[in-house]
Amino acid sequence: MEKIILAGGCFWGVQAYYDQLKGVLRTSVGYIDGNMRHPTYEIVCSEVSGHAEACEIVYDETIITLETILEHFLRFVNPFSINRQGNDFGRQYRSGIYYHTEGEKDHIINYLKTTFKDDYDRVRIQVKEAKDYDLAEERHQKYLEKNPYGYCHVDLNLAKASERK
């Protein structure tokens, strides 16, 4: 099992997207990259804590690779946007890829450089070590499963049928 944390706008849609994919074993939503531990949703939305809304993805690398996870991420994230995805804007909606090992860091950076080539310098996706990930409140976990008509900036249909569970 491997894990990666992705921030790509509202965490409800990111979680719902990755929950569809073969090889994804479990996901959770939470807060990362802020200036305090265990913030509340209200504190994160006030931008006082500096956190990003994020989704932790635990996956079986024999079924889905990190590269495939990143490919899916780029299907719904605007890589050139700062603090905004879809209709959501604010520091908590910034894009980020949070790794656990130096090998992952190198792989992520190489993937982004290869994908964007001459436009790499315009990419605004943060690539940082995963530190201090705190679970969001229970009401946010699997939110779109509980509220199927809830708001979502992510087009969940972008997960190809062949890659779905």
C-alpha atoms as a PDB file:
ATOM      1  CA  MET A   1       0.000   0.000   0.000  1.00  0.00           C
ATOM      2  CA  GLU A   2       1.103   3.519  -0.774  1.00  0.00           C
ATOM      3  CA  LYS A   3      -0.443   6.858   0.043  1.00  0.00           C
ATOM      4  CA  ILE A   4      -0.441  10.363  -1.332  1.00  0.00           C
ATOM      5  CA  ILE A   5      -2.296  13.517  -0.337  1.00  0.00           C
ATOM      6  CA  LEU A   6      -3.799  15.748  -3.001  1.00  0.00           C
ATOM      7  CA  ALA A   7      -5.277  19.216  -2.691  1.00  0.00           C
ATOM      8  CA  GLY A   8      -7.343  20.201  -5.690  1.00  0.00           C
ATOM      9  CA  GLY A   9     -10.088  22.544  -4.607  1.00  0.00           C
ATOM     10  CA  CYS A  10     -13.041  21.394  -2.537  1.00  0.00           C
ATOM     11  CA  PHE A  11     -12.077  18.074  -0.993  1.00  0.00           C
ATOM     12  CA  TRP A  12     -15.558  16.533  -1.449  1.00  0.00           C
ATOM     13  CA  GLY A  13     -15.105  16.192  -5.197  1.00  0.00           C
ATOM     14  CA  VAL A  14     -11.491  15.008  -5.006  1.00  0.00           C
ATOM     15  CA  GLN A  15     -12.528  12.211  -2.644  1.00  0.00           C
ATOM     16  CA  ALA A  16     -15.570  11.205  -4.717  1.00  0.00           C
ATOM     17  CA  TYR A  17     -13.423  11.078  -7.860  1.00  0.00           C
ATOM     18  CA  TYR A  18     -10.689   8.842  -6.419  1.00  0.00           C
ATOM     19  CA  ASP A  19     -13.189   6.589  -4.660  1.00  0.00           C
ATOM     20  CA  GLN A  20     -14.279   5.472  -8.159  1.00  0.00           C
ATOM     21  CA  LEU A  21     -10.874   4.154  -9.238  1.00  0.00           C
ATOM     22  CA  LYS A  22      -9.662   0.562  -9.202  1.00  0.00           C
ATOM     23  CA  GLY A  23      -6.754   0.168  -6.829  1.00  0.00           C
ATOM     24  CA  VAL A  24      -7.789   2.964  -4.493  1.00  0.00           C
ATOM     25  CA  LEU A  25      -8.288   1.205  -1.177  1.00  0.00           C
ATOM     26  CA  ARG A  26      -9.520   4.077   0.943  1.00  0.00           C
ATOM     27  CA  THR A  27      -9.661   7.840   1.085  1.00  0.00           C
ATOM     28  CA  SER A  28     -10.231  10.495   3.707  1.00  0.00           C
ATOM     29  CA  VAL A  29     -10.554  14.251   3.586  1.00  0.00           C
ATOM     30  CA  GLY A  30      -8.731  16.636   5.830  1.00  0.00           C
ATOM     31  CA  TYR A  31      -6.541  19.665   6.195  1.00  0.00           C
ATOM     32  CA  ILE A  32      -2.835  20.035   5.438  1.00  0.00           C
ATOM     33  CA  ASP A  33      -0.059  22.614   5.208  1.00  0.00           C
ATOM     34  CA  GLY A  34      -1.292  25.057   7.823  1.00  0.00           C
ATOM     35  CA  ASN A  35       0.013  26.796  10.920  1.00  0.00           C
ATOM     36  CA  MET A  36      -1.857  24.858  13.635  1.00  0.00           C
ATOM     37  CA  ARG A  37      -2.950  21.315  14.440  1.00  0.00           C
ATOM     38  CA  HIS A  38      -6.548  20.068  14.343  1.00  0.00           C
ATOM     39  CA  PRO A  39      -8.276  23.068  12.769  1.00  0.00           C
ATOM     40  CA  THR A  40     -12.012  23.125  12.209  1.00  0.00           C
ATOM     41  CA  TYR A  41     -13.638  23.613   8.831  1.00  0.00           C
ATOM     42  CA  GLU A  42     -14.698  27.100   9.886  1.00  0.00           C
ATOM     43  CA  ILE A  43     -11.128  28.060  10.813  1.00  0.00           C
ATOM     44  CA  VAL A  44      -9.791  26.701   7.514  1.00  0.00           C
ATOM     45  CA  CYS A  45     -12.445  28.605   5.535  1.00  0.00           C
ATOM     46  CA  SER A  46     -11.554  31.816   7.384  1.00  0.00           C
ATOM     47  CA  GLU A  47      -7.998  31.396   6.019  1.00  0.00           C
ATOM     48  CA  VAL A  48      -6.581  32.039   9.506  1.00  0.00           C
ATOM     49  CA  SER A  49      -4.868  28.637   9.675  1.00  0.00           C
ATOM     50  CA  GLY A  50      -3.432  28.604   6.152  1.00  0.00           C
ATOM     51  CA  HIS A  51      -4.512  25.001   5.518  1.00  0.00           C
ATOM     52  CA  ALA A  52      -5.503  23.481   2.194  1.00  0.00           C
ATOM     53  CA  GLU A  53      -8.486  21.172   1.887  1.00  0.00           C
ATOM     54  CA  ALA A  54      -6.983  17.819   0.903  1.00  0.00           C
ATOM     55  CA  CYS A  55      -7.715  14.169   0.242  1.00  0.00           C
ATOM     56  CA  GLU A  56      -5.498  11.332   1.421  1.00  0.00           C
ATOM     57  CA  ILE A  57      -5.501   8.426  -1.013  1.00  0.00           C
ATOM     58  CA  VAL A  58      -4.330   4.970   0.047  1.00  0.00           C
ATOM     59  CA  TYR A  59      -3.775   2.772  -2.978  1.00  0.00           C
ATOM     60  CA  ASP A  60      -2.429  -0.575  -4.144  1.00  0.00           C
ATOM     61  CA  GLU A  61       0.505   0.272  -6.387  1.00  0.00           C
ATOM     62  CA  THR A  62       0.193  -3.115  -8.142  1.00  0.00           C
ATOM     63  CA  ILE A  63      -3.204  -1.991  -9.472  1.00  0.00           C
ATOM     64  CA  ILE A  64      -2.846   1.785  -9.844  1.00  0.00           C
ATOM     65  CA  THR A  65       0.447   3.648 -10.071  1.00  0.00           C
ATOM     66  CA  LEU A  66       1.386   7.037  -8.695  1.00  0.00           C
ATOM     67  CA  GLU A  67       1.698   8.241 -12.286  1.00  0.00           C
ATOM     68  CA  THR A  68      -1.904   7.189 -12.993  1.00  0.00           C
ATOM     69  CA  ILE A  69      -3.076   8.947  -9.846  1.00  0.00           C
ATOM     70  CA  LEU A  70      -1.312  12.117 -11.011  1.00  0.00           C
ATOM     71  CA  GLU A  71      -2.753  11.751 -14.517  1.00  0.00           C
ATOM     72  CA  HIS A  72      -6.233  11.653 -13.003  1.00  0.00           C
ATOM     73  CA  PHE A  73      -5.452  14.676 -10.829  1.00  0.00           C
ATOM     74  CA  LEU A  74      -4.607  16.720 -13.909  1.00  0.00           C
ATOM     75  CA  ARG A  75      -7.939  15.787 -15.498  1.00  0.00           C
ATOM     76  CA  PHE A  76      -9.853  17.982 -13.070  1.00  0.00           C
ATOM     77  CA  VAL A  77      -7.347  20.484 -11.660  1.00  0.00           C
ATOM     78  CA  ASN A  78      -6.341  23.703 -13.377  1.00  0.00           C
ATOM     79  CA  PRO A  79      -2.578  23.493 -12.817  1.00  0.00           C
ATOM     80  CA  PHE A  80      -2.021  27.178 -13.562  1.00  0.00           C
ATOM     81  CA  SER A  81      -4.591  28.536 -11.109  1.00  0.00           C
ATOM     82  CA  ILE A  82      -3.622  30.074  -7.779  1.00  0.00           C
ATOM     83  CA  ASN A  83      -5.984  29.525  -4.837  1.00  0.00           C
ATOM     84  CA  ARG A  84      -8.901  28.596  -7.080  1.00  0.00           C
ATOM     85  CA  GLN A  85     -10.505  25.534  -8.604  1.00  0.00           C
ATOM     86  CA  GLY A  86     -13.857  25.759 -10.342  1.00  0.00           C
ATOM     87  CA  ASN A  87     -16.105  28.206  -8.497  1.00  0.00           C
ATOM     88  CA  ASP A  88     -14.131  27.785  -5.264  1.00  0.00           C
ATOM     89  CA  PHE A  89     -11.588  30.421  -4.432  1.00  0.00           C
ATOM     90  CA  GLY A  90      -9.439  31.118  -1.405  1.00  0.00           C
ATOM     91  CA  ARG A  91      -6.174  29.847   0.019  1.00  0.00           C
ATOM     92  CA  GLN A  92      -7.782  26.601   1.225  1.00  0.00           C
ATOM     93  CA  TYR A  93      -8.537  25.690  -2.424  1.00  0.00           C
ATOM     94  CA  ARG A  94      -4.941  25.816  -3.663  1.00  0.00           C
ATOM     95  CA  SER A  95      -3.572  22.796  -5.506  1.00  0.00           C
ATOM     96  CA  GLY A  96      -0.927  20.622  -3.985  1.00  0.00           C
ATOM     97  CA  ILE A  97       0.643  17.196  -4.099  1.00  0.00           C
ATOM     98  CA  TYR A  98       1.961  16.094  -0.717  1.00  0.00           C
ATOM     99  CA  TYR A  99       4.459  13.232  -0.775  1.00  0.00           C
ATOM    100  CA  HIS A 100       5.835  10.936   1.945  1.00  0.00           C
ATOM    101  CA  THR A 101       9.266   9.997   0.530  1.00  0.00           C
ATOM    102  CA  GLU A 102      12.003  11.720  -1.441  1.00  0.00           C
ATOM    103  CA  GLY A 103      11.528   9.117  -4.177  1.00  0.00           C
ATOM    104  CA  GLU A 104       7.906  10.188  -4.547  1.00  0.00           C
ATOM    105  CA  LYS A 105       8.963  13.832  -4.650  1.00  0.00           C
ATOM    106  CA  ASP A 106      11.391  13.163  -7.500  1.00  0.00           C
ATOM    107  CA  HIS A 107       8.787  11.104  -9.371  1.00  0.00           C
ATOM    108  CA  ILE A 108       6.142  13.834  -8.995  1.00  0.00           C
ATOM    109  CA  ILE A 109       8.436  16.638 -10.145  1.00  0.00           C
ATOM    110  CA  ASN A 110       9.684  14.593 -13.107  1.00  0.00           C
ATOM    111  CA  TYR A 111       6.094  13.746 -14.052  1.00  0.00           C
ATOM    112  CA  LEU A 112       5.045  17.406 -13.956  1.00  0.00           C
ATOM    113  CA  LYS A 113       8.118  18.528 -15.923  1.00  0.00           C
ATOM    114  CA  THR A 114       7.517  15.864 -18.577  1.00  0.00           C
ATOM    115  CA  THR A 115       3.812  16.627 -18.783  1.00  0.00           C
ATOM    116  CA  PHE A 116       4.092  20.405 -18.985  1.00  0.00           C
ATOM    117  CA  LYS A 117       7.465  20.752 -20.726  1.00  0.00           C
ATOM    118  CA  ASP A 118       7.963  24.448 -21.564  1.00  0.00           C
ATOM    119  CA  ASP A 119       4.956  25.435 -19.450  1.00  0.00           C
ATOM    120  CA  TYR A 120       6.341  23.832 -16.276  1.00  0.00           C
ATOM    121  CA  ASP A 121       7.351  27.234 -14.846  1.00  0.00           C
ATOM    122  CA  ARG A 122       3.690  28.322 -15.028  1.00  0.00           C
ATOM    123  CA  VAL A 123       2.455  25.349 -12.938  1.00  0.00           C
ATOM    124  CA  ARG A 124       1.096  26.474  -9.570  1.00  0.00           C
ATOM    125  CA  ILE A 125       0.625  23.040  -8.010  1.00  0.00           C
ATOM    126  CA  GLN A 126       2.641  22.937  -4.807  1.00  0.00           C
ATOM    127  CA  VAL A 127       4.778  19.836  -4.309  1.00  0.00           C
ATOM    128  CA  LYS A 128       5.567  19.490  -0.621  1.00  0.00           C
ATOM    129  CA  GLU A 129       6.253  16.914   2.044  1.00  0.00           C
ATOM    130  CA  ALA A 130       3.115  15.594   3.734  1.00  0.00           C
ATOM    131  CA  LYS A 131       3.211  16.976   7.262  1.00  0.00           C
ATOM    132  CA  ASP A 132       0.478  17.429   9.819  1.00  0.00           C
ATOM    133  CA  TYR A 133      -2.485  16.033   7.912  1.00  0.00           C
ATOM    134  CA  ASP A 134      -5.566  16.319  10.126  1.00  0.00           C
ATOM    135  CA  LEU A 135      -8.836  14.574   9.344  1.00  0.00           C
ATOM    136  CA  ALA A 136     -11.772  16.817   8.600  1.00  0.00           C
ATOM    137  CA  GLU A 137     -14.934  16.474  10.616  1.00  0.00           C
ATOM    138  CA  GLU A 138     -17.091  13.385  10.047  1.00  0.00           C
ATOM    139  CA  ARG A 139     -19.724  15.394   8.184  1.00  0.00           C
ATOM    140  CA  HIS A 140     -17.171  15.991   5.404  1.00  0.00           C
ATOM    141  CA  GLN A 141     -16.075  12.356   5.017  1.00  0.00           C
ATOM    142  CA  LYS A 142     -17.709  10.800   1.917  1.00  0.00           C
ATOM    143  CA  TYR A 143     -19.841  13.948   1.701  1.00  0.00           C
ATOM    144  CA  LEU A 144     -21.034  13.379  -1.855  1.00  0.00           C
ATOM    145  CA  GLU A 145     -22.041   9.809  -1.012  1.00  0.00           C
ATOM    146  CA  LYS A 146     -24.193  11.173   1.807  1.00  0.00           C
ATOM    147  CA  ASN A 147     -25.384  14.120  -0.308  1.00  0.00           C
ATOM    148  CA  PRO A 148     -25.471  12.920  -3.938  1.00  0.00           C
ATOM    149  CA  TYR A 149     -26.742  16.268  -5.221  1.00  0.00           C
ATOM    150  CA  GLY A 150     -24.192  18.293  -3.248  1.00  0.00           C
ATOM    151  CA  TYR A 151     -21.965  20.844  -4.949  1.00  0.00           C
ATOM    152  CA  CYS A 152     -18.916  19.471  -6.701  1.00  0.00           C
ATOM    153  CA  HIS A 153     -16.447  21.297  -8.947  1.00  0.00           C
ATOM    154  CA  VAL A 154     -14.960  18.000 -10.130  1.00  0.00           C
ATOM    155  CA  ASP A 155     -16.477  16.299 -13.176  1.00  0.00           C
ATOM    156  CA  LEU A 156     -16.741  12.785 -11.761  1.00  0.00           C
ATOM    157  CA  ASN A 157     -17.306  11.420 -15.273  1.00  0.00           C
ATOM    158  CA  LEU A 158     -13.674  12.146 -16.140  1.00  0.00           C
ATOM    159  CA  ALA A 159     -12.710   8.866 -14.482  1.00  0.00           C
ATOM    160  CA  LYS A 160     -12.682   6.519 -17.480  1.00  0.00           C
ATOM    161  CA  ALA A 161     -15.103   3.620 -17.252  1.00  0.00           C
ATOM    162  CA  SER A 162     -12.248   1.121 -17.726  1.00  0.00           C
ATOM    163  CA  GLU A 163     -10.501   2.505 -14.641  1.00  0.00           C
ATOM    164  CA  ARG A 164     -13.539   2.463 -12.355  1.00  0.00           C
ATOM    165  CA  LYS A 165     -14.176  -0.126  -9.678  1.00  0.00           C
END
